[in-house]
Amino acid sequence: MDVMMDLKVSLDFLCCGCEQSVNVTVECKGKGLAGEGGWPVATVNVPCPNCGQVNQLFFEPSGTVRSVRPYPCFRLLPEPSMN
């Protein structure tokens, strides 16, 4: 039987841009949270409220942050007009 879990996790980390402390609460849902077949790791992108840098967090359902790195935001640049 597949078990769907619903879990709220509080994550504390240092921003990759300004190194200020950030706290975020995320809600996780899914079958993979049960931990069957290994150690589940989830990811979420969190903008820093201080500097705006988007941080990509990799974390466990227990709330342990495994990795924080800058999220590679791909912004399209406008092309110059040929006029």
Protein backbone atom coordinates (compact mmCIF):
# COMPACT_ATOMS: atom_id res chain seq x y z
CA MET A 1 0.00 0.00 0.00
CA ASP A 2 1.36 3.43 -0.96
CA VAL A 3 1.45 5.91 1.90
CA MET A 4 1.08 9.63 1.14
CA MET A 5 2.72 11.81 3.74
CA ASP A 6 2.16 15.47 4.50
CA LEU A 7 4.92 17.20 6.44
CA LYS A 8 5.85 20.78 7.40
CA VAL A 9 9.59 21.34 7.69
CA SER A 10 11.37 24.39 9.11
CA LEU A 11 14.72 25.10 7.43
CA ASP A 12 17.47 27.45 8.64
CA PHE A 13 20.34 28.40 6.32
CA LEU A 14 22.77 31.18 5.39
CA CYS A 15 22.08 33.04 2.15
CA CYS A 16 24.64 32.44 -0.61
CA GLY A 17 24.56 36.14 -1.51
CA CYS A 18 24.70 38.11 1.73
CA GLU A 19 25.39 35.31 4.26
CA GLN A 20 22.46 36.44 6.43
CA SER A 21 20.45 33.85 8.34
CA VAL A 22 17.20 32.84 6.64
CA ASN A 23 14.37 30.69 8.03
CA VAL A 24 11.65 29.19 5.86
CA THR A 25 8.88 26.66 6.48
CA VAL A 26 7.96 24.39 3.57
CA GLU A 27 5.16 21.88 3.20
CA CYS A 28 6.19 18.57 1.68
CA LYS A 29 3.78 16.00 0.26
CA GLY A 30 4.32 12.67 -1.42
CA LYS A 31 5.06 8.99 -1.21
CA GLY A 32 8.83 9.52 -1.20
CA LEU A 33 8.81 11.04 2.30
CA ALA A 34 8.30 7.60 3.85
CA GLY A 35 12.01 6.89 3.29
CA GLU A 36 11.53 3.57 1.54
CA GLY A 37 14.47 2.67 -0.66
CA GLY A 38 16.99 5.18 0.70
CA TRP A 39 17.31 8.62 2.21
CA PRO A 40 14.93 11.02 0.50
CA VAL A 41 16.26 14.47 -0.38
CA ALA A 42 14.04 17.30 -1.58
CA THR A 43 14.88 20.65 -3.12
CA VAL A 44 13.29 24.08 -2.95
CA ASN A 45 14.25 27.51 -4.30
CA VAL A 46 14.05 30.28 -1.70
CA PRO A 47 14.67 33.99 -2.37
CA CYS A 48 16.56 35.79 0.41
CA PRO A 49 14.37 38.46 2.06
CA ASN A 50 17.50 40.59 2.62
CA CYS A 51 19.26 40.67 -0.78
CA GLY A 52 16.93 38.83 -3.20
CA GLN A 53 19.43 36.07 -4.10
CA VAL A 54 17.56 32.85 -4.95
CA ASN A 55 19.03 29.98 -2.93
CA GLN A 56 18.56 26.35 -3.94
CA LEU A 57 18.22 24.18 -0.81
CA PHE A 58 18.62 20.41 -0.74
CA PHE A 59 17.15 19.00 2.48
CA GLU A 60 15.91 15.87 4.21
CA PRO A 61 12.34 15.50 5.53
CA SER A 62 13.83 15.65 9.04
CA GLY A 63 14.75 19.32 8.40
CA THR A 64 18.47 18.70 7.91
CA VAL A 65 19.80 21.02 5.21
CA ARG A 66 22.29 19.08 3.06
CA SER A 67 23.36 21.81 0.65
CA VAL A 68 22.69 25.46 -0.20
CA ARG A 69 23.83 26.95 -3.49
CA PRO A 70 22.91 29.94 -5.64
CA TYR A 71 20.06 29.07 -7.98
CA PRO A 72 21.13 29.59 -11.59
CA CYS A 73 18.44 32.04 -12.70
CA PHE A 74 18.34 32.13 -16.46
CA ARG A 75 17.00 35.53 -17.40
CA LEU A 76 16.36 36.32 -20.99
CA LEU A 77 18.12 39.44 -22.15
CA PRO A 78 16.30 41.67 -24.58
CA GLU A 79 17.77 41.69 -28.05
CA PRO A 80 18.65 45.05 -29.58
CA SER A 81 16.32 46.37 -32.23
CA MET A 82 17.51 46.30 -35.84
CA ASN A 83 15.86 49.71 -36.50
